[in-house]
């Protein structure tokens, strides 16, 4: 299983919570340096709390499940880097 697939699988644990609030997250890429780049979708892409959601939920979930990932970055609905 590739790193991208492993990151996506890890996100399955948190997606139900994101979807409850009308949001979601999509894996854009995993770089050779171990950075997971994500896109915050739906309500998560426009929510003022998206940075907290990214750090306390999404990032923690990924880092625990896929130790090869060293950094998590995300863009919001406007294409702006979050965190």
N, C-alpha and C. Protein backbone atom coordinates (compact mmCIF):
# COMPACT_ATOMS: atom_id res chain seq x y z
N UNK A 1 0.85 -1.18 0.00
CA UNK A 1 0.00 0.00 0.00
C UNK A 1 0.90 1.24 0.00
N UNK A 2 0.61 2.20 -0.88
CA UNK A 2 1.42 3.42 -0.97
C UNK A 2 1.16 4.34 0.24
N UNK A 3 2.05 5.29 0.42
CA UNK A 3 1.86 6.26 1.51
C UNK A 3 0.56 7.04 1.32
N UNK A 4 0.27 7.42 0.09
CA UNK A 4 -0.97 8.15 -0.18
C UNK A 4 -2.18 7.33 0.22
N UNK A 5 -2.18 6.05 -0.12
CA UNK A 5 -3.29 5.17 0.25
C UNK A 5 -3.38 5.00 1.76
N UNK A 6 -2.23 4.92 2.43
CA UNK A 6 -2.22 4.79 3.89
C UNK A 6 -2.76 6.05 4.57
N UNK A 7 -2.40 7.22 4.04
CA UNK A 7 -2.92 8.48 4.58
C UNK A 7 -4.43 8.53 4.38
N UNK A 8 -4.89 8.18 3.19
CA UNK A 8 -6.32 8.19 2.91
C UNK A 8 -7.06 7.22 3.83
N UNK A 9 -6.48 6.07 4.05
CA UNK A 9 -7.11 5.09 4.95
C UNK A 9 -7.16 5.63 6.39
N UNK A 10 -6.13 6.31 6.82
CA UNK A 10 -6.12 6.90 8.17
C UNK A 10 -7.22 7.94 8.31
N UNK A 11 -7.46 8.69 7.23
CA UNK A 11 -8.49 9.73 7.26
C UNK A 11 -9.89 9.16 7.39
N UNK A 12 -10.08 7.91 7.02
CA UNK A 12 -11.40 7.28 7.15
C UNK A 12 -11.88 7.29 8.61
N UNK A 13 -10.95 7.29 9.56
CA UNK A 13 -11.32 7.31 10.97
C UNK A 13 -11.95 8.63 11.39
N UNK A 14 -11.57 9.70 10.73
CA UNK A 14 -12.05 11.03 11.13
C UNK A 14 -13.11 11.57 10.17
N UNK A 15 -13.22 11.02 8.99
CA UNK A 15 -14.19 11.53 8.01
C UNK A 15 -15.63 11.57 8.51
N UNK A 16 -16.11 10.58 9.24
CA UNK A 16 -17.50 10.66 9.71
C UNK A 16 -17.77 11.92 10.54
N UNK A 17 -16.80 12.35 11.33
CA UNK A 17 -16.96 13.55 12.14
C UNK A 17 -16.96 14.80 11.27
N UNK A 18 -16.09 14.83 10.29
CA UNK A 18 -16.04 15.97 9.38
C UNK A 18 -17.33 16.07 8.58
N UNK A 19 -17.80 14.94 8.12
CA UNK A 19 -19.01 14.91 7.29
C UNK A 19 -20.26 15.30 8.08
N UNK A 20 -20.27 15.03 9.38
CA UNK A 20 -21.39 15.42 10.22
C UNK A 20 -21.58 16.94 10.18
N UNK A 21 -20.47 17.66 10.07
CA UNK A 21 -20.53 19.12 10.01
C UNK A 21 -20.50 19.65 8.57
N UNK A 22 -20.67 18.76 7.60
CA UNK A 22 -20.72 19.19 6.21
C UNK A 22 -19.38 19.35 5.53
N UNK A 23 -18.35 18.77 6.10
CA UNK A 23 -17.01 18.91 5.54
C UNK A 23 -16.41 17.58 5.12
N UNK A 24 -15.22 17.65 4.62
CA UNK A 24 -14.46 16.46 4.24
C UNK A 24 -13.02 16.89 3.97
N UNK A 25 -12.18 15.93 3.70
CA UNK A 25 -10.78 16.19 3.39
C UNK A 25 -10.35 15.21 2.30
N UNK A 26 -9.50 15.71 1.38
CA UNK A 26 -9.03 14.89 0.28
C UNK A 26 -7.51 14.97 0.23
N UNK A 27 -6.86 13.84 -0.01
CA UNK A 27 -5.42 13.80 -0.15
C UNK A 27 -5.05 14.28 -1.55
N UNK A 28 -4.26 15.33 -1.61
CA UNK A 28 -3.78 15.84 -2.89
C UNK A 28 -2.51 15.12 -3.32
N UNK A 29 -1.58 14.99 -2.37
CA UNK A 29 -0.33 14.29 -2.65
C UNK A 29 0.42 14.03 -1.36
N UNK A 30 1.38 13.11 -1.46
CA UNK A 30 2.36 12.90 -0.41
C UNK A 30 3.71 13.09 -1.09
N UNK A 31 4.48 14.04 -0.59
CA UNK A 31 5.77 14.35 -1.21
C UNK A 31 6.82 13.32 -0.81
N UNK A 32 7.90 13.24 -1.57
CA UNK A 32 9.00 12.33 -1.20
C UNK A 32 9.61 12.68 0.16
N UNK A 33 9.45 13.94 0.58
CA UNK A 33 9.98 14.36 1.89
C UNK A 33 9.07 13.99 3.05
N UNK A 34 7.90 13.43 2.76
CA UNK A 34 6.99 12.99 3.82
C UNK A 34 5.94 14.01 4.21
N UNK A 35 5.67 14.98 3.36
CA UNK A 35 4.61 15.95 3.63
C UNK A 35 3.32 15.48 2.97
N UNK A 36 2.25 15.38 3.76
CA UNK A 36 0.93 15.05 3.22
C UNK A 36 0.23 16.37 2.92
N UNK A 37 -0.14 16.56 1.68
CA UNK A 37 -0.86 17.77 1.28
C UNK A 37 -2.32 17.42 1.06
N UNK A 38 -3.19 18.15 1.73
CA UNK A 38 -4.62 17.85 1.75
C UNK A 38 -5.43 19.04 1.27
N UNK A 39 -6.65 18.75 0.88
CA UNK A 39 -7.61 19.80 0.54
C UNK A 39 -8.79 19.68 1.49
N UNK A 40 -9.08 20.76 2.21
CA UNK A 40 -10.25 20.80 3.08
C UNK A 40 -11.45 21.13 2.20
N UNK A 41 -12.48 20.31 2.27
CA UNK A 41 -13.62 20.45 1.40
C UNK A 41 -14.89 20.78 2.18
N UNK A 42 -15.89 21.28 1.44
CA UNK A 42 -17.18 21.59 2.05
C UNK A 42 -17.02 22.60 3.16
N UNK A 43 -17.72 22.37 4.25
CA UNK A 43 -17.68 23.30 5.39
C UNK A 43 -16.28 23.43 5.97
N UNK A 44 -15.47 22.39 5.87
CA UNK A 44 -14.11 22.46 6.40
C UNK A 44 -13.25 23.45 5.63
N UNK A 45 -13.58 23.67 4.37
CA UNK A 45 -12.82 24.59 3.55
C UNK A 45 -13.09 26.05 3.83
N UNK A 46 -14.20 26.34 4.51
CA UNK A 46 -14.55 27.73 4.79
C UNK A 46 -14.70 28.02 6.27
N UNK A 47 -14.56 27.04 7.11
CA UNK A 47 -14.77 27.19 8.55
C UNK A 47 -13.61 27.96 9.20
N UNK A 48 -13.92 28.93 10.07
CA UNK A 48 -12.85 29.65 10.76
C UNK A 48 -12.09 28.76 11.75
N UNK A 49 -12.63 27.61 12.08
CA UNK A 49 -11.97 26.68 13.00
C UNK A 49 -11.16 25.62 12.25
N UNK A 50 -10.98 25.78 10.95
CA UNK A 50 -10.32 24.74 10.16
C UNK A 50 -8.89 24.46 10.62
N UNK A 51 -8.17 25.46 11.08
CA UNK A 51 -6.81 25.23 11.56
C UNK A 51 -6.83 24.31 12.78
N UNK A 52 -7.76 24.54 13.70
CA UNK A 52 -7.85 23.68 14.87
C UNK A 52 -8.23 22.26 14.46
N UNK A 53 -9.19 22.14 13.56
CA UNK A 53 -9.59 20.81 13.08
C UNK A 53 -8.42 20.11 12.43
N UNK A 54 -7.67 20.85 11.63
CA UNK A 54 -6.51 20.27 10.96
C UNK A 54 -5.50 19.75 11.97
N UNK A 55 -5.16 20.57 12.94
CA UNK A 55 -4.11 20.20 13.89
C UNK A 55 -4.56 19.14 14.90
N UNK A 56 -5.72 19.32 15.50
CA UNK A 56 -6.12 18.43 16.60
C UNK A 56 -6.80 17.16 16.12
N UNK A 57 -7.28 17.13 14.92
CA UNK A 57 -7.96 15.94 14.43
C UNK A 57 -7.24 15.29 13.28
N UNK A 58 -7.16 15.98 12.18
CA UNK A 58 -6.63 15.42 10.94
C UNK A 58 -5.15 15.10 11.07
N UNK A 59 -4.35 16.07 11.47
CA UNK A 59 -2.90 15.86 11.56
C UNK A 59 -2.56 14.76 12.57
N UNK A 60 -3.14 14.82 13.75
CA UNK A 60 -2.86 13.80 14.77
C UNK A 60 -3.20 12.41 14.26
N UNK A 61 -4.32 12.27 13.58
CA UNK A 61 -4.75 10.98 13.05
C UNK A 61 -3.74 10.45 12.04
N UNK A 62 -3.30 11.30 11.14
CA UNK A 62 -2.34 10.88 10.12
C UNK A 62 -0.99 10.51 10.74
N UNK A 63 -0.48 11.37 11.60
CA UNK A 63 0.84 11.12 12.18
C UNK A 63 0.89 9.85 13.02
N UNK A 64 -0.20 9.52 13.69
CA UNK A 64 -0.23 8.28 14.47
C UNK A 64 -0.28 7.05 13.56
N UNK A 65 -1.05 7.13 12.49
CA UNK A 65 -1.25 5.97 11.62
C UNK A 65 -0.14 5.77 10.60
N UNK A 66 0.50 6.86 10.20
CA UNK A 66 1.52 6.78 9.14
C UNK A 66 2.76 7.54 9.62
N UNK A 67 3.63 6.87 10.38
CA UNK A 67 4.78 7.56 10.97
C UNK A 67 5.78 8.12 9.95
N UNK A 68 5.71 7.67 8.72
CA UNK A 68 6.61 8.20 7.69
C UNK A 68 6.25 9.64 7.32
N UNK A 69 5.03 10.06 7.64
CA UNK A 69 4.61 11.43 7.37
C UNK A 69 5.19 12.33 8.46
N UNK A 70 5.87 13.38 8.02
CA UNK A 70 6.52 14.29 8.96
C UNK A 70 5.83 15.64 9.06
N UNK A 71 4.97 15.95 8.08
CA UNK A 71 4.31 17.25 8.06
C UNK A 71 2.98 17.12 7.33
N UNK A 72 1.98 17.87 7.79
CA UNK A 72 0.67 17.90 7.14
C UNK A 72 0.36 19.34 6.77
N UNK A 73 0.03 19.55 5.50
CA UNK A 73 -0.39 20.86 5.01
C UNK A 73 -1.75 20.71 4.36
N UNK A 74 -2.52 21.77 4.43
CA UNK A 74 -3.84 21.72 3.80
C UNK A 74 -4.16 23.06 3.17
N UNK A 75 -4.97 23.00 2.12
CA UNK A 75 -5.50 24.22 1.53
C UNK A 75 -7.00 24.26 1.78
N UNK A 76 -7.53 25.47 1.87
CA UNK A 76 -8.97 25.63 2.10
C UNK A 76 -9.69 25.86 0.77
N UNK A 77 -10.93 26.20 0.84
CA UNK A 77 -11.76 26.38 -0.37
C UNK A 77 -11.25 27.50 -1.27
N UNK A 78 -10.56 28.46 -0.70
CA UNK A 78 -10.01 29.56 -1.49
C UNK A 78 -8.62 29.26 -2.03
N UNK A 79 -8.12 28.07 -1.76
CA UNK A 79 -6.78 27.71 -2.22
C UNK A 79 -5.67 28.25 -1.34
N UNK A 80 -6.03 28.70 -0.15
CA UNK A 80 -5.06 29.27 0.79
C UNK A 80 -4.54 28.17 1.71
N UNK A 81 -3.23 28.18 1.93
CA UNK A 81 -2.61 27.21 2.82
C UNK A 81 -3.10 27.45 4.24
N UNK A 82 -3.54 26.37 4.90
CA UNK A 82 -4.00 26.42 6.29
C UNK A 82 -2.92 25.78 7.14
N UNK A 83 -2.41 26.50 8.12
CA UNK A 83 -1.40 25.94 8.98
C UNK A 83 -0.10 25.88 8.28
